[in-house]
Amino acid sequence: MLIGPEDIQKVPNMFMNAVHEDEIEIINRLYEALKKGDLQEADRLMDELLIDLEDHFSTEEELMREADFFGYPMHKAEHDNMRREFKAVYDSWKDTKDPSAVMRFLEEKMVPWLKLLVAQWDSVTAQHLGD
């Protein structure tokens, strides 16, 4: 397991917590498939993670706009940066099927980023949105 649910701060919004837990599960399943060299399963999970990230980000962004959240531009910018970075890794994966590159991205970029995003932006956003 690359990241446990306990590694991500809980926020005062049940929906956001559920989204984070689902994402952690996909990331862990992807990481394990990559470690095992199961390229078919990893490919399926890369597709699933791409869709999940977009659902996660677009839903949060809609909630922030509806609630007139002051931090929307900065929070969305964080989402947009990860959208671009993951899409680049995704596109490279589709070309090369290199497990080590994706594992490195998950370990060094995505998991640390997710922890920081939740602690910094999602916690503040959740307080503004309520439950």
Protein backbone atom coordinates (compact mmCIF):
# COMPACT_ATOMS: atom_id res chain seq x y z
CA MET A 1 0.00 0.00 0.00
CA LEU A 2 1.35 3.37 -1.01
CA ILE A 3 -1.00 5.53 1.05
CA GLY A 4 -3.52 4.75 3.77
CA PRO A 5 -6.75 6.59 4.49
CA GLU A 6 -5.20 7.68 7.79
CA ASP A 7 -2.47 9.50 5.83
CA ILE A 8 -4.99 12.02 4.52
CA GLN A 9 -6.44 14.59 6.89
CA LYS A 10 -10.19 14.32 7.41
CA VAL A 11 -12.08 17.49 6.47
CA PRO A 12 -15.44 18.73 7.78
CA ASN A 13 -17.32 17.51 4.69
CA MET A 14 -18.35 13.87 4.36
CA PHE A 15 -18.58 14.00 0.57
CA MET A 16 -15.02 15.27 0.21
CA ASN A 17 -13.74 12.63 2.64
CA ALA A 18 -15.49 9.90 0.63
CA VAL A 19 -13.94 11.20 -2.61
CA HIS A 20 -10.48 11.16 -1.03
CA GLU A 21 -10.95 7.59 0.23
CA ASP A 22 -12.08 6.39 -3.20
CA GLU A 23 -9.08 8.07 -4.82
CA ILE A 24 -6.68 6.51 -2.31
CA GLU A 25 -8.11 3.09 -3.15
CA ILE A 26 -7.59 3.60 -6.89
CA ILE A 27 -4.04 4.90 -6.35
CA ASN A 28 -3.18 1.89 -4.18
CA ARG A 29 -4.68 -0.62 -6.63
CA LEU A 30 -2.78 1.05 -9.47
CA TYR A 31 0.47 1.03 -7.49
CA GLU A 32 0.09 -2.67 -6.67
CA ALA A 33 -0.69 -3.56 -10.31
CA LEU A 34 2.40 -1.65 -11.42
CA LYS A 35 4.57 -3.40 -8.80
CA LYS A 36 3.31 -6.79 -9.98
CA GLY A 37 3.86 -5.90 -13.61
CA ASP A 38 0.17 -6.42 -14.42
CA LEU A 39 0.12 -4.02 -17.34
CA GLN A 40 -3.45 -4.77 -18.36
CA GLU A 41 -4.81 -3.99 -14.89
CA ALA A 42 -2.53 -0.95 -14.59
CA ASP A 43 -3.79 0.32 -17.92
CA ARG A 44 -7.40 -0.05 -16.78
CA LEU A 45 -6.62 1.70 -13.50
CA MET A 46 -4.81 4.56 -15.26
CA ASP A 47 -8.03 5.15 -17.22
CA GLU A 48 -10.05 4.93 -14.00
CA LEU A 49 -7.77 7.37 -12.18
CA LEU A 50 -7.92 9.87 -15.05
CA ILE A 51 -11.73 9.84 -14.92
CA ASP A 52 -11.78 9.89 -11.11
CA LEU A 53 -9.49 12.90 -10.89
CA GLU A 54 -11.60 14.86 -13.33
CA ASP A 55 -14.81 13.95 -11.46
CA HIS A 56 -13.17 14.87 -8.14
CA PHE A 57 -11.84 18.20 -9.38
CA SER A 58 -14.85 19.31 -11.42
CA THR A 59 -17.30 18.44 -8.62
CA GLU A 60 -15.28 20.34 -6.03
CA GLU A 61 -14.92 23.28 -8.39
CA GLU A 62 -18.67 23.41 -8.97
CA LEU A 63 -19.32 23.32 -5.21
CA MET A 64 -16.79 26.12 -4.66
CA ARG A 65 -18.39 28.29 -7.35
CA GLU A 66 -21.89 27.69 -5.97
CA ALA A 67 -20.73 28.60 -2.45
CA ASP A 68 -18.79 31.65 -3.70
CA PHE A 69 -15.64 30.31 -2.04
CA PHE A 70 -12.96 33.01 -1.83
CA GLY A 71 -10.14 30.55 -2.50
CA TYR A 72 -11.65 29.11 -5.67
CA PRO A 73 -9.02 30.53 -8.10
CA MET A 74 -6.08 29.19 -6.09
CA HIS A 75 -7.70 25.83 -5.36
CA LYS A 76 -8.67 25.40 -9.01
CA ALA A 77 -5.11 26.30 -10.05
CA GLU A 78 -3.86 23.39 -7.89
CA HIS A 79 -6.35 21.09 -9.62
CA ASP A 80 -5.32 22.37 -13.05
CA ASN A 81 -1.63 21.75 -12.32
CA MET A 82 -2.34 18.14 -11.31
CA ARG A 83 -4.64 17.69 -14.32
CA ARG A 84 -1.74 18.67 -16.59
CA GLU A 85 0.88 16.64 -14.74
CA PHE A 86 -1.22 13.48 -14.52
CA LYS A 87 -2.30 13.80 -18.18
CA ALA A 88 1.37 13.97 -19.22
CA VAL A 89 2.14 10.82 -17.19
CA TYR A 90 -1.02 9.17 -18.55
CA ASP A 91 -0.09 9.97 -22.17
CA SER A 92 3.46 8.71 -21.61
CA TRP A 93 2.07 5.52 -20.05
CA LYS A 94 -0.14 4.93 -23.09
CA ASP A 95 2.96 5.19 -25.31
CA THR A 96 5.56 3.33 -23.24
CA LYS A 97 3.76 1.23 -20.58
CA ASP A 98 6.67 2.00 -18.24
CA PRO A 99 5.59 0.98 -14.70
CA SER A 100 8.60 2.61 -13.03
CA ALA A 101 7.75 6.06 -14.41
CA VAL A 102 4.18 5.91 -13.10
CA MET A 103 5.28 4.47 -9.76
CA ARG A 104 7.81 7.29 -9.38
CA PHE A 105 5.11 9.87 -10.20
CA LEU A 106 2.73 8.36 -7.64
CA GLU A 107 5.42 8.17 -4.94
CA GLU A 108 7.18 11.47 -5.52
CA LYS A 109 4.47 13.75 -6.87
CA MET A 110 0.86 12.64 -6.62
CA VAL A 111 0.73 11.27 -3.06
CA PRO A 112 2.67 14.16 -1.48
CA TRP A 113 0.58 16.61 -3.52
CA LEU A 114 -2.69 14.99 -2.42
CA LYS A 115 -1.70 15.11 1.24
CA LEU A 116 -0.77 18.77 0.95
CA LEU A 117 -3.84 19.70 -1.09
CA VAL A 118 -6.18 18.17 1.47
CA ALA A 119 -4.37 19.75 4.42
CA GLN A 120 -4.13 23.20 2.84
CA TRP A 121 -7.01 23.69 0.42
CA ASP A 122 -9.59 20.99 0.98
CA SER A 123 -9.73 21.59 4.72
CA VAL A 124 -10.43 25.30 4.20
CA THR A 125 -12.85 24.61 1.36
CA ALA A 126 -14.73 22.04 3.45
CA GLN A 127 -15.08 24.52 6.32
CA HIS A 128 -16.58 27.03 3.92
CA LEU A 129 -18.91 24.47 2.31
CA GLY A 130 -20.00 22.77 5.52
CA ASP A 131 -21.43 19.26 5.43
